[in-house]
C-alpha cells in the first residue's frame, strides 16, 4: 500500500469515527457507554492473575513493579530514543483496528488503556491489541469522574474493568490509568495498588485530540512537544487522531524516536 493509499484508508476510518466521536478523557466519555448503561460492578477484587489463560491465547502479561520508579509514572527515561503513545480505549471498533494496523505498519507499538464497558461491547479487541504486540491496561469500568467518587465506588470502577480484562486475557492488564483526570490522587493510587497495579500511568504530553482541533493541530501539538521518554495521551474513536497518526509516526521516524509500549519504555 502506498503512503497515499494508507492515508486514504485512514481517512475513511476517520469518517466513521466522526459519527462515534465523543468528548475526551478529562471532559467527556471517551467513547464509553453513558453513565448508567453499564451496571456498577461489585467492589470485590479481581481474581488472581495466575489463573489459567483464556481460550484462544496465552495469558497476557501481568502488572509489574518497576523498582526505583514512583507510584505514579508520567514519563520514561530521557536518555533513550523511545516514546510511548498511549490510547484511551473507547469508540468505534473499526477506528481502533485501523489505528492499530497503522501503528504496526510503521513498526510502532502502543499502549491501550481500555474502558471496561467498551470491552463488554467489543471483547475481541482485547486479544487483537495483545496479538499486535501492544500493552493493554485498565481505564476504569464506566469512564466517570473517578476522583469525585467515594473510595468504595472508585475501587469498584477499577476492579470492574480489571475483572473484564482478566476474563478476556488471563491478566488484569499491565497498567491502570484513572478516568477524567491526568493525575491520580494519593487515595486513588492506594486503591489501584490494592487492586493489583503497582503503578498508575499518567502522561507528560496531552495531544488534546479529544477537543477535535483537526488532524494537523494534533500532529503539531505532539511533534512540537514530544521528547525522549514522553508518554503521550491519545484517544481511539476520534477522527482527528485517525487522520493524524500516519504523519505523526513518519515524524517520529525522521527524528529517530521509536514508539514502544510503556513496558518497553521503562524496561
C-alpha atoms as a PDB file:
ATOM      1  CA  UNK A   1       0.000   0.000   0.000  1.00  0.00           C
ATOM      2  CA  UNK A   2       1.395   3.396  -0.968  1.00  0.00           C
ATOM      3  CA  UNK A   3       1.512   6.327   1.505  1.00  0.00           C
ATOM      4  CA  UNK A   4      -1.398   7.922  -0.376  1.00  0.00           C
ATOM      5  CA  UNK A   5      -3.415   4.707  -0.158  1.00  0.00           C
ATOM      6  CA  UNK A   6      -2.652   4.413   3.564  1.00  0.00           C
ATOM      7  CA  UNK A   7      -3.793   7.941   4.198  1.00  0.00           C
ATOM      8  CA  UNK A   8      -6.951   7.352   2.158  1.00  0.00           C
ATOM      9  CA  UNK A   9      -7.744   4.257   4.211  1.00  0.00           C
ATOM     10  CA  UNK A  10      -7.125   6.110   7.460  1.00  0.00           C
ATOM     11  CA  UNK A  11      -9.294   8.999   6.269  1.00  0.00           C
ATOM     12  CA  UNK A  12     -12.106   6.518   5.603  1.00  0.00           C
ATOM     13  CA  UNK A  13     -11.796   5.258   9.152  1.00  0.00           C
ATOM     14  CA  UNK A  14     -11.727   8.866  10.323  1.00  0.00           C
ATOM     15  CA  UNK A  15     -15.032   9.468   8.594  1.00  0.00           C
ATOM     16  CA  UNK A  16     -16.565   6.605  10.524  1.00  0.00           C
ATOM     17  CA  UNK A  17     -15.080   7.975  13.721  1.00  0.00           C
ATOM     18  CA  UNK A  18     -16.859  11.305  13.288  1.00  0.00           C
ATOM     19  CA  UNK A  19     -20.159   9.591  13.991  1.00  0.00           C
ATOM     20  CA  UNK A  20     -18.850   7.827  17.094  1.00  0.00           C
ATOM     21  CA  UNK A  21     -16.513  10.544  18.351  1.00  0.00           C
ATOM     22  CA  UNK A  22     -17.313  11.823  21.820  1.00  0.00           C
ATOM     23  CA  UNK A  23     -15.642  14.193  24.265  1.00  0.00           C
ATOM     24  CA  UNK A  24     -12.258  13.268  25.682  1.00  0.00           C
ATOM     25  CA  UNK A  25     -10.884  11.833  28.841  1.00  0.00           C
ATOM     26  CA  UNK A  26     -10.848  14.931  31.014  1.00  0.00           C
ATOM     27  CA  UNK A  27     -14.245  16.208  29.944  1.00  0.00           C
ATOM     28  CA  UNK A  28     -16.297  13.533  28.181  1.00  0.00           C
ATOM     29  CA  UNK A  29     -16.970   9.851  27.780  1.00  0.00           C
ATOM     30  CA  UNK A  30     -14.100   8.799  25.536  1.00  0.00           C
ATOM     31  CA  UNK A  31     -16.403   6.570  23.544  1.00  0.00           C
ATOM     32  CA  UNK A  32     -17.620   4.741  26.620  1.00  0.00           C
ATOM     33  CA  UNK A  33     -21.280   3.978  27.354  1.00  0.00           C
ATOM     34  CA  UNK A  34     -23.204   6.764  29.029  1.00  0.00           C
ATOM     35  CA  UNK A  35     -23.423   6.715  32.779  1.00  0.00           C
ATOM     36  CA  UNK A  36     -25.956   4.182  33.949  1.00  0.00           C
ATOM     37  CA  UNK A  37     -25.830   1.949  30.871  1.00  0.00           C
ATOM     38  CA  UNK A  38     -23.295  -0.382  32.496  1.00  0.00           C
ATOM     39  CA  UNK A  39     -24.367  -1.723  35.888  1.00  0.00           C
ATOM     40  CA  UNK A  40     -21.973  -0.690  38.679  1.00  0.00           C
ATOM     41  CA  UNK A  41     -19.577  -3.580  39.331  1.00  0.00           C
ATOM     42  CA  UNK A  42     -19.134  -5.232  42.665  1.00  0.00           C
ATOM     43  CA  UNK A  43     -16.244  -3.809  44.703  1.00  0.00           C
ATOM     44  CA  UNK A  44     -14.709  -7.247  45.112  1.00  0.00           C
ATOM     45  CA  UNK A  45     -11.114  -7.548  43.944  1.00  0.00           C
ATOM     46  CA  UNK A  46     -10.425  -9.351  40.656  1.00  0.00           C
ATOM     47  CA  UNK A  47      -9.375 -12.967  40.716  1.00  0.00           C
ATOM     48  CA  UNK A  48      -5.711 -13.845  40.710  1.00  0.00           C
ATOM     49  CA  UNK A  49      -3.688 -13.008  37.578  1.00  0.00           C
ATOM     50  CA  UNK A  50      -2.227 -16.524  37.871  1.00  0.00           C
ATOM     51  CA  UNK A  51      -5.491 -18.098  36.672  1.00  0.00           C
ATOM     52  CA  UNK A  52      -5.371 -20.331  33.571  1.00  0.00           C
ATOM     53  CA  UNK A  53      -5.141 -18.498  30.242  1.00  0.00           C
ATOM     54  CA  UNK A  54      -8.389 -17.804  28.389  1.00  0.00           C
ATOM     55  CA  UNK A  55      -9.372 -19.866  25.345  1.00  0.00           C
ATOM     56  CA  UNK A  56      -7.629 -18.784  22.155  1.00  0.00           C
ATOM     57  CA  UNK A  57      -4.348 -17.494  23.545  1.00  0.00           C
ATOM     58  CA  UNK A  58      -1.807 -17.424  26.321  1.00  0.00           C
ATOM     59  CA  UNK A  59      -2.341 -15.264  29.375  1.00  0.00           C
ATOM     60  CA  UNK A  60      -1.409 -11.624  28.933  1.00  0.00           C
ATOM     61  CA  UNK A  61       1.443 -10.068  30.926  1.00  0.00           C
ATOM     62  CA  UNK A  62       0.557  -9.072  34.466  1.00  0.00           C
ATOM     63  CA  UNK A  63       1.036  -5.688  36.060  1.00  0.00           C
ATOM     64  CA  UNK A  64       4.588  -5.428  37.347  1.00  0.00           C
ATOM     65  CA  UNK A  65       6.585  -3.250  39.678  1.00  0.00           C
ATOM     66  CA  UNK A  66       9.448  -1.187  38.291  1.00  0.00           C
ATOM     67  CA  UNK A  67      11.952  -0.763  41.151  1.00  0.00           C
ATOM     68  CA  UNK A  68      13.080   2.798  41.671  1.00  0.00           C
ATOM     69  CA  UNK A  69      10.129   4.346  39.839  1.00  0.00           C
ATOM     70  CA  UNK A  70       7.390   6.334  41.600  1.00  0.00           C
ATOM     71  CA  UNK A  71       3.887   5.007  42.161  1.00  0.00           C
ATOM     72  CA  UNK A  72       2.616   7.474  39.547  1.00  0.00           C
ATOM     73  CA  UNK A  73       4.551   7.475  36.282  1.00  0.00           C
ATOM     74  CA  UNK A  74       4.388  10.444  33.922  1.00  0.00           C
ATOM     75  CA  UNK A  75       7.301   9.743  31.581  1.00  0.00           C
ATOM     76  CA  UNK A  76      10.152   7.361  30.864  1.00  0.00           C
ATOM     77  CA  UNK A  77      13.935   7.791  30.698  1.00  0.00           C
ATOM     78  CA  UNK A  78      15.083  10.955  28.941  1.00  0.00           C
ATOM     79  CA  UNK A  79      18.335   9.426  27.709  1.00  0.00           C
ATOM     80  CA  UNK A  80      16.889   6.908  25.232  1.00  0.00           C
ATOM     81  CA  UNK A  81      15.232   7.443  21.844  1.00  0.00           C
ATOM     82  CA  UNK A  82      11.898   5.957  22.907  1.00  0.00           C
ATOM     83  CA  UNK A  83       8.426   7.334  23.478  1.00  0.00           C
ATOM     84  CA  UNK A  84       5.093   5.781  24.447  1.00  0.00           C
ATOM     85  CA  UNK A  85       1.882   6.553  22.572  1.00  0.00           C
ATOM     86  CA  UNK A  86      -0.969   5.678  24.937  1.00  0.00           C
ATOM     87  CA  UNK A  87      -4.544   5.410  23.695  1.00  0.00           C
ATOM     88  CA  UNK A  88      -7.674   5.612  25.793  1.00  0.00           C
ATOM     89  CA  UNK A  89      -9.708   2.637  24.573  1.00  0.00           C
ATOM     90  CA  UNK A  90     -13.255   3.500  23.519  1.00  0.00           C
ATOM     91  CA  UNK A  91     -15.319   4.342  20.473  1.00  0.00           C
ATOM     92  CA  UNK A  92     -15.786   2.725  17.077  1.00  0.00           C
ATOM     93  CA  UNK A  93     -14.015  -0.670  16.882  1.00  0.00           C
ATOM     94  CA  UNK A  94     -13.225  -0.130  13.184  1.00  0.00           C
ATOM     95  CA  UNK A  95     -11.325   3.030  14.083  1.00  0.00           C
ATOM     96  CA  UNK A  96      -9.412   1.206  16.806  1.00  0.00           C
ATOM     97  CA  UNK A  97      -8.456  -1.573  14.397  1.00  0.00           C
ATOM     98  CA  UNK A  98      -7.332   0.948  11.758  1.00  0.00           C
ATOM     99  CA  UNK A  99      -5.151   2.777  14.275  1.00  0.00           C
ATOM    100  CA  UNK A 100      -3.530  -0.444  15.468  1.00  0.00           C
ATOM    101  CA  UNK A 101      -2.850  -1.542  11.899  1.00  0.00           C
ATOM    102  CA  UNK A 102      -1.272   1.811  11.034  1.00  0.00           C
ATOM    103  CA  UNK A 103       0.964   1.655  14.097  1.00  0.00           C
ATOM    104  CA  UNK A 104       2.051  -1.866  13.189  1.00  0.00           C
ATOM    105  CA  UNK A 105       2.746  -0.815   9.581  1.00  0.00           C
ATOM    106  CA  UNK A 106       5.231   1.698  10.973  1.00  0.00           C
ATOM    107  CA  UNK A 107       6.721  -0.933  13.312  1.00  0.00           C
ATOM    108  CA  UNK A 108       5.365   1.025  16.268  1.00  0.00           C
ATOM    109  CA  UNK A 109       3.800  -0.441  19.377  1.00  0.00           C
ATOM    110  CA  UNK A 110       1.362   1.395  21.627  1.00  0.00           C
ATOM    111  CA  UNK A 111      -0.362   1.140  24.988  1.00  0.00           C
ATOM    112  CA  UNK A 112      -4.154   0.874  25.121  1.00  0.00           C
ATOM    113  CA  UNK A 113      -5.982   1.740  28.352  1.00  0.00           C
ATOM    114  CA  UNK A 114      -9.372   0.131  27.784  1.00  0.00           C
ATOM    115  CA  UNK A 115     -12.705   1.099  29.287  1.00  0.00           C
ATOM    116  CA  UNK A 116     -14.492  -1.917  30.761  1.00  0.00           C
ATOM    117  CA  UNK A 117     -17.806  -1.061  29.121  1.00  0.00           C
ATOM    118  CA  UNK A 118     -16.050  -0.877  25.757  1.00  0.00           C
ATOM    119  CA  UNK A 119     -14.615  -4.346  26.308  1.00  0.00           C
ATOM    120  CA  UNK A 120     -18.115  -5.568  27.160  1.00  0.00           C
ATOM    121  CA  UNK A 121     -19.266  -4.349  23.743  1.00  0.00           C
ATOM    122  CA  UNK A 122     -16.204  -5.449  21.753  1.00  0.00           C
ATOM    123  CA  UNK A 123     -14.471  -8.254  23.681  1.00  0.00           C
ATOM    124  CA  UNK A 124     -12.464  -9.396  20.632  1.00  0.00           C
ATOM    125  CA  UNK A 125     -10.441  -6.176  20.728  1.00  0.00           C
ATOM    126  CA  UNK A 126      -8.609  -7.239  23.897  1.00  0.00           C
ATOM    127  CA  UNK A 127      -6.959 -10.131  22.079  1.00  0.00           C
ATOM    128  CA  UNK A 128      -6.459  -8.031  18.920  1.00  0.00           C
ATOM    129  CA  UNK A 129      -4.469  -5.478  20.935  1.00  0.00           C
ATOM    130  CA  UNK A 130      -2.298  -8.088  22.611  1.00  0.00           C
ATOM    131  CA  UNK A 131      -1.726 -10.116  19.440  1.00  0.00           C
ATOM    132  CA  UNK A 132      -0.351  -6.946  17.807  1.00  0.00           C
ATOM    133  CA  UNK A 133       2.354  -6.725  20.473  1.00  0.00           C
ATOM    134  CA  UNK A 134       0.789  -3.780  22.307  1.00  0.00           C
ATOM    135  CA  UNK A 135       0.273  -3.175  26.031  1.00  0.00           C
ATOM    136  CA  UNK A 136      -3.272  -3.452  27.377  1.00  0.00           C
ATOM    137  CA  UNK A 137      -4.395  -1.783  30.579  1.00  0.00           C
ATOM    138  CA  UNK A 138      -7.311  -0.570  32.668  1.00  0.00           C
ATOM    139  CA  UNK A 139      -9.092   2.781  32.203  1.00  0.00           C
ATOM    140  CA  UNK A 140     -11.950   2.079  34.648  1.00  0.00           C
ATOM    141  CA  UNK A 141     -15.276   0.403  34.013  1.00  0.00           C
ATOM    142  CA  UNK A 142     -17.556   3.320  33.054  1.00  0.00           C
ATOM    143  CA  UNK A 143     -15.177   6.241  32.462  1.00  0.00           C
ATOM    144  CA  UNK A 144     -16.712   8.568  35.025  1.00  0.00           C
ATOM    145  CA  UNK A 145     -15.007  11.252  37.141  1.00  0.00           C
ATOM    146  CA  UNK A 146     -13.219   8.844  39.429  1.00  0.00           C
ATOM    147  CA  UNK A 147     -11.568  11.486  41.625  1.00  0.00           C
ATOM    148  CA  UNK A 148     -15.031  12.739  42.674  1.00  0.00           C
ATOM    149  CA  UNK A 149     -16.266   9.306  43.808  1.00  0.00           C
ATOM    150  CA  UNK A 150     -16.338   7.806  47.280  1.00  0.00           C
ATOM    151  CA  UNK A 151     -13.488   5.355  47.705  1.00  0.00           C
ATOM    152  CA  UNK A 152     -15.660   2.234  47.534  1.00  0.00           C
ATOM    153  CA  UNK A 153     -17.198   3.363  44.233  1.00  0.00           C
ATOM    154  CA  UNK A 154     -13.799   4.306  42.802  1.00  0.00           C
ATOM    155  CA  UNK A 155     -12.429   0.914  43.793  1.00  0.00           C
ATOM    156  CA  UNK A 156     -15.373  -0.776  42.085  1.00  0.00           C
ATOM    157  CA  UNK A 157     -14.567   1.164  38.891  1.00  0.00           C
ATOM    158  CA  UNK A 158     -11.008  -0.152  38.953  1.00  0.00           C
ATOM    159  CA  UNK A 159     -11.825  -3.747  39.815  1.00  0.00           C
ATOM    160  CA  UNK A 160     -14.796  -3.917  37.456  1.00  0.00           C
ATOM    161  CA  UNK A 161     -12.563  -3.266  34.468  1.00  0.00           C
ATOM    162  CA  UNK A 162      -9.826  -5.472  35.950  1.00  0.00           C
ATOM    163  CA  UNK A 163     -12.204  -8.432  36.100  1.00  0.00           C
ATOM    164  CA  UNK A 164     -13.177  -7.990  32.463  1.00  0.00           C
ATOM    165  CA  UNK A 165      -9.559  -7.821  31.391  1.00  0.00           C
ATOM    166  CA  UNK A 166      -8.775 -10.915  33.426  1.00  0.00           C
ATOM    167  CA  UNK A 167     -11.692 -12.867  31.971  1.00  0.00           C
ATOM    168  CA  UNK A 168     -10.676 -11.956  28.418  1.00  0.00           C
ATOM    169  CA  UNK A 169      -6.896 -12.240  28.678  1.00  0.00           C
ATOM    170  CA  UNK A 170      -5.919 -14.012  31.899  1.00  0.00           C
ATOM    171  CA  UNK A 171      -4.455 -10.797  33.346  1.00  0.00           C
ATOM    172  CA  UNK A 172      -5.811  -7.623  34.938  1.00  0.00           C
ATOM    173  CA  UNK A 173      -3.682  -5.658  32.463  1.00  0.00           C
ATOM    174  CA  UNK A 174      -0.259  -4.123  32.716  1.00  0.00           C
ATOM    175  CA  UNK A 175      -1.335  -0.576  33.640  1.00  0.00           C
ATOM    176  CA  UNK A 176      -4.066   1.450  35.302  1.00  0.00           C
ATOM    177  CA  UNK A 177      -4.943   4.995  34.272  1.00  0.00           C
ATOM    178  CA  UNK A 178      -7.739   6.870  36.082  1.00  0.00           C
ATOM    179  CA  UNK A 179     -10.620   8.323  34.090  1.00  0.00           C
ATOM    180  CA  UNK A 180     -11.256  12.038  33.546  1.00  0.00           C
ATOM    181  CA  UNK A 181      -8.063  13.187  35.214  1.00  0.00           C
ATOM    182  CA  UNK A 182      -4.412  13.399  34.247  1.00  0.00           C
ATOM    183  CA  UNK A 183      -3.111  12.702  37.737  1.00  0.00           C
ATOM    184  CA  UNK A 184      -4.320  10.314  40.400  1.00  0.00           C
ATOM    185  CA  UNK A 185      -4.772  11.445  43.987  1.00  0.00           C
ATOM    186  CA  UNK A 186      -2.893   9.643  46.732  1.00  0.00           C
ATOM    187  CA  UNK A 187      -6.031   7.748  47.878  1.00  0.00           C
ATOM    188  CA  UNK A 188      -6.640   6.673  44.281  1.00  0.00           C
ATOM    189  CA  UNK A 189      -3.060   5.423  43.943  1.00  0.00           C
ATOM    190  CA  UNK A 190      -3.590   3.312  47.065  1.00  0.00           C
ATOM    191  CA  UNK A 191      -6.809   1.882  45.630  1.00  0.00           C
ATOM    192  CA  UNK A 192      -5.063   0.981  42.373  1.00  0.00           C
ATOM    193  CA  UNK A 193      -2.274  -0.757  44.302  1.00  0.00           C
ATOM    194  CA  UNK A 194      -4.848  -2.634  46.362  1.00  0.00           C
ATOM    195  CA  UNK A 195      -6.419  -3.823  43.091  1.00  0.00           C
ATOM    196  CA  UNK A 196      -3.063  -5.154  41.888  1.00  0.00           C
ATOM    197  CA  UNK A 197      -1.469  -2.261  39.983  1.00  0.00           C
ATOM    198  CA  UNK A 198       1.899  -1.226  41.464  1.00  0.00           C
ATOM    199  CA  UNK A 199       1.949   1.943  39.335  1.00  0.00           C
ATOM    200  CA  UNK A 200      -0.579   4.420  37.990  1.00  0.00           C
ATOM    201  CA  UNK A 201       0.183   5.553  34.446  1.00  0.00           C
ATOM    202  CA  UNK A 202      -0.162   9.287  33.818  1.00  0.00           C
ATOM    203  CA  UNK A 203       1.420  11.225  30.916  1.00  0.00           C
ATOM    204  CA  UNK A 204       3.506  14.313  30.244  1.00  0.00           C
ATOM    205  CA  UNK A 205       2.085  15.231  26.827  1.00  0.00           C
ATOM    206  CA  UNK A 206      -1.623  15.726  26.149  1.00  0.00           C
ATOM    207  CA  UNK A 207      -2.412  15.645  22.425  1.00  0.00           C
ATOM    208  CA  UNK A 208      -5.780  17.359  23.077  1.00  0.00           C
ATOM    209  CA  UNK A 209      -7.202  15.211  20.281  1.00  0.00           C
ATOM    210  CA  UNK A 210     -10.478  14.875  22.207  1.00  0.00           C
ATOM    211  CA  UNK A 211     -11.170  18.574  21.534  1.00  0.00           C
ATOM    212  CA  UNK A 212     -11.366  17.791  17.781  1.00  0.00           C
ATOM    213  CA  UNK A 213      -8.898  20.536  16.739  1.00  0.00           C
ATOM    214  CA  UNK A 214      -8.154  18.964  13.329  1.00  0.00           C
ATOM    215  CA  UNK A 215      -5.560  16.382  12.348  1.00  0.00           C
ATOM    216  CA  UNK A 216      -2.886  18.973  11.589  1.00  0.00           C
ATOM    217  CA  UNK A 217      -3.297  20.511  15.053  1.00  0.00           C
ATOM    218  CA  UNK A 218      -3.000  17.117  16.743  1.00  0.00           C
ATOM    219  CA  UNK A 219       0.205  16.433  14.804  1.00  0.00           C
ATOM    220  CA  UNK A 220       1.636  19.879  15.643  1.00  0.00           C
ATOM    221  CA  UNK A 221       0.839  19.519  19.327  1.00  0.00           C
ATOM    222  CA  UNK A 222       2.522  16.155  19.640  1.00  0.00           C
ATOM    223  CA  UNK A 223       5.537  16.763  17.400  1.00  0.00           C
ATOM    224  CA  UNK A 224       6.088  20.200  18.922  1.00  0.00           C
ATOM    225  CA  UNK A 225       6.316  18.903  22.496  1.00  0.00           C
ATOM    226  CA  UNK A 226       7.443  15.292  22.310  1.00  0.00           C
ATOM    227  CA  UNK A 227      10.911  14.371  23.518  1.00  0.00           C
ATOM    228  CA  UNK A 228      12.798  11.336  24.676  1.00  0.00           C
ATOM    229  CA  UNK A 229      10.811   9.397  27.236  1.00  0.00           C
ATOM    230  CA  UNK A 230       7.487  11.164  26.605  1.00  0.00           C
ATOM    231  CA  UNK A 231       4.222   9.413  27.415  1.00  0.00           C
ATOM    232  CA  UNK A 232       1.565  10.818  25.071  1.00  0.00           C
ATOM    233  CA  UNK A 233      -2.181  10.780  25.747  1.00  0.00           C
ATOM    234  CA  UNK A 234      -4.300   9.972  22.657  1.00  0.00           C
ATOM    235  CA  UNK A 235      -7.762   8.507  22.057  1.00  0.00           C
ATOM    236  CA  UNK A 236      -9.416   5.859  19.956  1.00  0.00           C
ATOM    237  CA  UNK A 237     -12.741   6.965  18.482  1.00  0.00           C
ATOM    238  CA  UNK A 238     -11.666  10.457  17.423  1.00  0.00           C
ATOM    239  CA  UNK A 239     -11.425  11.269  13.729  1.00  0.00           C
ATOM    240  CA  UNK A 240      -8.557  13.725  14.109  1.00  0.00           C
ATOM    241  CA  UNK A 241      -6.415  11.071  15.779  1.00  0.00           C
ATOM    242  CA  UNK A 242      -7.002   8.600  12.977  1.00  0.00           C
ATOM    243  CA  UNK A 243      -6.097  11.163  10.331  1.00  0.00           C
ATOM    244  CA  UNK A 244      -3.056  12.455  12.240  1.00  0.00           C
ATOM    245  CA  UNK A 245      -1.391   9.136  13.012  1.00  0.00           C
ATOM    246  CA  UNK A 246       0.470   8.493   9.711  1.00  0.00           C
ATOM    247  CA  UNK A 247       2.123  11.919   9.711  1.00  0.00           C
ATOM    248  CA  UNK A 248       2.882  11.641  13.425  1.00  0.00           C
ATOM    249  CA  UNK A 249       4.580   8.276  13.026  1.00  0.00           C
ATOM    250  CA  UNK A 250       6.521   9.498   9.992  1.00  0.00           C
ATOM    251  CA  UNK A 251       7.771  12.483  12.017  1.00  0.00           C
ATOM    252  CA  UNK A 252       8.927  10.257  14.871  1.00  0.00           C
ATOM    253  CA  UNK A 253      10.803   8.077  12.403  1.00  0.00           C
ATOM    254  CA  UNK A 254      12.580  11.068  10.861  1.00  0.00           C
ATOM    255  CA  UNK A 255      13.681  12.199  14.312  1.00  0.00           C
ATOM    256  CA  UNK A 256      14.945   8.774  15.312  1.00  0.00           C
ATOM    257  CA  UNK A 257      12.299   8.275  18.011  1.00  0.00           C
ATOM    258  CA  UNK A 258      10.772   4.809  18.430  1.00  0.00           C
ATOM    259  CA  UNK A 259       7.183   4.401  19.573  1.00  0.00           C
ATOM    260  CA  UNK A 260       7.204   1.468  22.004  1.00  0.00           C
ATOM    261  CA  UNK A 261       4.913   0.051  24.655  1.00  0.00           C
ATOM    262  CA  UNK A 262       5.086   1.654  28.071  1.00  0.00           C
ATOM    263  CA  UNK A 263       6.538  -1.587  29.418  1.00  0.00           C
ATOM    264  CA  UNK A 264       9.404  -1.352  26.899  1.00  0.00           C
ATOM    265  CA  UNK A 265       9.835   2.357  27.554  1.00  0.00           C
ATOM    266  CA  UNK A 266      10.512   1.699  31.219  1.00  0.00           C
ATOM    267  CA  UNK A 267      12.436  -1.564  30.906  1.00  0.00           C
END
